[in-house]
């Protein structure tokens, strides 16, 4: 069974990707600090097995969404 390391859920998750870019969860392993950090972040914010997705609806009031976008962009652009 294929499993998403970041979401800790059966694959494919919503962030799985097509395998073409290094930003998709299909590339996630415990060997890369980028993925370990994302996994830890999602584990703090989501229930086990819940897919790791972010939308304005599940963020706390006043949460800096631009800062979150920059956080995710920093991980996906490092691999390119």
C-alpha atoms as a PDB file:
ATOM      1  CA  UNK A   1       0.000   0.000   0.000  1.00  0.00           C
ATOM      2  CA  UNK A   2       1.338   3.427  -0.946  1.00  0.00           C
ATOM      3  CA  UNK A   3       1.288   5.959   1.879  1.00  0.00           C
ATOM      4  CA  UNK A   4       1.812   9.714   2.126  1.00  0.00           C
ATOM      5  CA  UNK A   5       4.688  10.433   4.505  1.00  0.00           C
ATOM      6  CA  UNK A   6       3.565  14.040   5.122  1.00  0.00           C
ATOM      7  CA  UNK A   7      -0.168  13.438   5.616  1.00  0.00           C
ATOM      8  CA  UNK A   8       0.333  10.077   7.324  1.00  0.00           C
ATOM      9  CA  UNK A   9      -2.562   8.772   5.226  1.00  0.00           C
ATOM     10  CA  UNK A  10      -3.081   6.334   2.332  1.00  0.00           C
ATOM     11  CA  UNK A  11      -1.953   7.718  -1.015  1.00  0.00           C
ATOM     12  CA  UNK A  12      -2.774   9.534  -3.082  1.00  0.00           C
ATOM     13  CA  UNK A  13      -3.436  12.560  -0.878  1.00  0.00           C
ATOM     14  CA  UNK A  14      -4.612  15.913  -2.258  1.00  0.00           C
ATOM     15  CA  UNK A  15      -0.991  17.118  -2.422  1.00  0.00           C
ATOM     16  CA  UNK A  16       0.374  13.908  -4.008  1.00  0.00           C
ATOM     17  CA  UNK A  17       1.206  15.472  -7.367  1.00  0.00           C
ATOM     18  CA  UNK A  18       2.000  13.755 -10.654  1.00  0.00           C
ATOM     19  CA  UNK A  19       5.658  12.975  -9.930  1.00  0.00           C
ATOM     20  CA  UNK A  20       6.871  15.658 -12.332  1.00  0.00           C
ATOM     21  CA  UNK A  21       7.855  18.287  -9.766  1.00  0.00           C
ATOM     22  CA  UNK A  22       9.688  17.711  -6.512  1.00  0.00           C
ATOM     23  CA  UNK A  23       7.020  19.584  -4.543  1.00  0.00           C
ATOM     24  CA  UNK A  24       4.423  16.789  -4.568  1.00  0.00           C
ATOM     25  CA  UNK A  25       3.990  14.585  -1.522  1.00  0.00           C
ATOM     26  CA  UNK A  26       4.802  11.570  -3.714  1.00  0.00           C
ATOM     27  CA  UNK A  27       8.463  12.582  -3.271  1.00  0.00           C
ATOM     28  CA  UNK A  28       8.306  12.832   0.533  1.00  0.00           C
ATOM     29  CA  UNK A  29      10.674  10.692   2.606  1.00  0.00           C
ATOM     30  CA  UNK A  30      12.204  10.760   6.063  1.00  0.00           C
ATOM     31  CA  UNK A  31      15.616  11.350   4.432  1.00  0.00           C
ATOM     32  CA  UNK A  32      14.936  15.008   3.569  1.00  0.00           C
ATOM     33  CA  UNK A  33      14.580  17.656   6.284  1.00  0.00           C
ATOM     34  CA  UNK A  34      12.040  19.535   4.144  1.00  0.00           C
ATOM     35  CA  UNK A  35       9.590  16.647   4.341  1.00  0.00           C
ATOM     36  CA  UNK A  36      10.340  15.873   7.985  1.00  0.00           C
ATOM     37  CA  UNK A  37       9.575  19.505   8.870  1.00  0.00           C
ATOM     38  CA  UNK A  38       6.326  19.497   6.877  1.00  0.00           C
ATOM     39  CA  UNK A  39       5.277  16.186   8.446  1.00  0.00           C
ATOM     40  CA  UNK A  40       5.888  17.557  11.952  1.00  0.00           C
ATOM     41  CA  UNK A  41       3.985  20.725  11.113  1.00  0.00           C
ATOM     42  CA  UNK A  42       0.979  18.816   9.781  1.00  0.00           C
ATOM     43  CA  UNK A  43       1.004  16.402  12.733  1.00  0.00           C
ATOM     44  CA  UNK A  44       0.623  19.396  15.065  1.00  0.00           C
ATOM     45  CA  UNK A  45      -2.321  20.750  13.077  1.00  0.00           C
ATOM     46  CA  UNK A  46      -4.236  17.715  11.797  1.00  0.00           C
ATOM     47  CA  UNK A  47      -5.708  14.486  13.118  1.00  0.00           C
ATOM     48  CA  UNK A  48      -3.915  11.251  12.127  1.00  0.00           C
ATOM     49  CA  UNK A  49      -5.027  10.154   8.664  1.00  0.00           C
ATOM     50  CA  UNK A  50      -6.510  13.549   7.794  1.00  0.00           C
ATOM     51  CA  UNK A  51      -5.134  14.838   4.521  1.00  0.00           C
ATOM     52  CA  UNK A  52      -2.857  17.821   4.839  1.00  0.00           C
ATOM     53  CA  UNK A  53      -4.640  20.649   3.100  1.00  0.00           C
ATOM     54  CA  UNK A  54      -4.731  24.294   3.970  1.00  0.00           C
ATOM     55  CA  UNK A  55      -7.570  26.660   3.280  1.00  0.00           C
ATOM     56  CA  UNK A  56      -8.827  29.840   4.847  1.00  0.00           C
ATOM     57  CA  UNK A  57     -11.614  27.800   6.422  1.00  0.00           C
ATOM     58  CA  UNK A  58      -9.321  25.762   8.662  1.00  0.00           C
ATOM     59  CA  UNK A  59      -6.897  28.479   9.756  1.00  0.00           C
ATOM     60  CA  UNK A  60      -7.252  30.405  13.016  1.00  0.00           C
ATOM     61  CA  UNK A  61      -8.731  33.899  12.825  1.00  0.00           C
ATOM     62  CA  UNK A  62      -6.013  36.415  12.024  1.00  0.00           C
ATOM     63  CA  UNK A  63      -3.604  33.754  10.739  1.00  0.00           C
ATOM     64  CA  UNK A  64      -1.045  35.208   8.347  1.00  0.00           C
ATOM     65  CA  UNK A  65      -1.869  33.284   5.166  1.00  0.00           C
ATOM     66  CA  UNK A  66       0.821  35.083   3.165  1.00  0.00           C
ATOM     67  CA  UNK A  67       3.460  33.857   5.590  1.00  0.00           C
ATOM     68  CA  UNK A  68       2.127  30.314   5.187  1.00  0.00           C
ATOM     69  CA  UNK A  69       2.298  30.629   1.382  1.00  0.00           C
ATOM     70  CA  UNK A  70       5.921  31.783   1.654  1.00  0.00           C
ATOM     71  CA  UNK A  71       6.693  28.826   3.926  1.00  0.00           C
ATOM     72  CA  UNK A  72       5.362  26.326   1.375  1.00  0.00           C
ATOM     73  CA  UNK A  73       6.991  28.150  -1.554  1.00  0.00           C
ATOM     74  CA  UNK A  74      10.375  28.001   0.175  1.00  0.00           C
ATOM     75  CA  UNK A  75      10.150  24.200   0.275  1.00  0.00           C
ATOM     76  CA  UNK A  76       8.987  23.712  -3.291  1.00  0.00           C
ATOM     77  CA  UNK A  77      11.488  26.137  -4.851  1.00  0.00           C
ATOM     78  CA  UNK A  78      14.511  24.620  -3.084  1.00  0.00           C
ATOM     79  CA  UNK A  79      14.120  21.442  -5.102  1.00  0.00           C
ATOM     80  CA  UNK A  80      14.078  23.105  -8.523  1.00  0.00           C
END
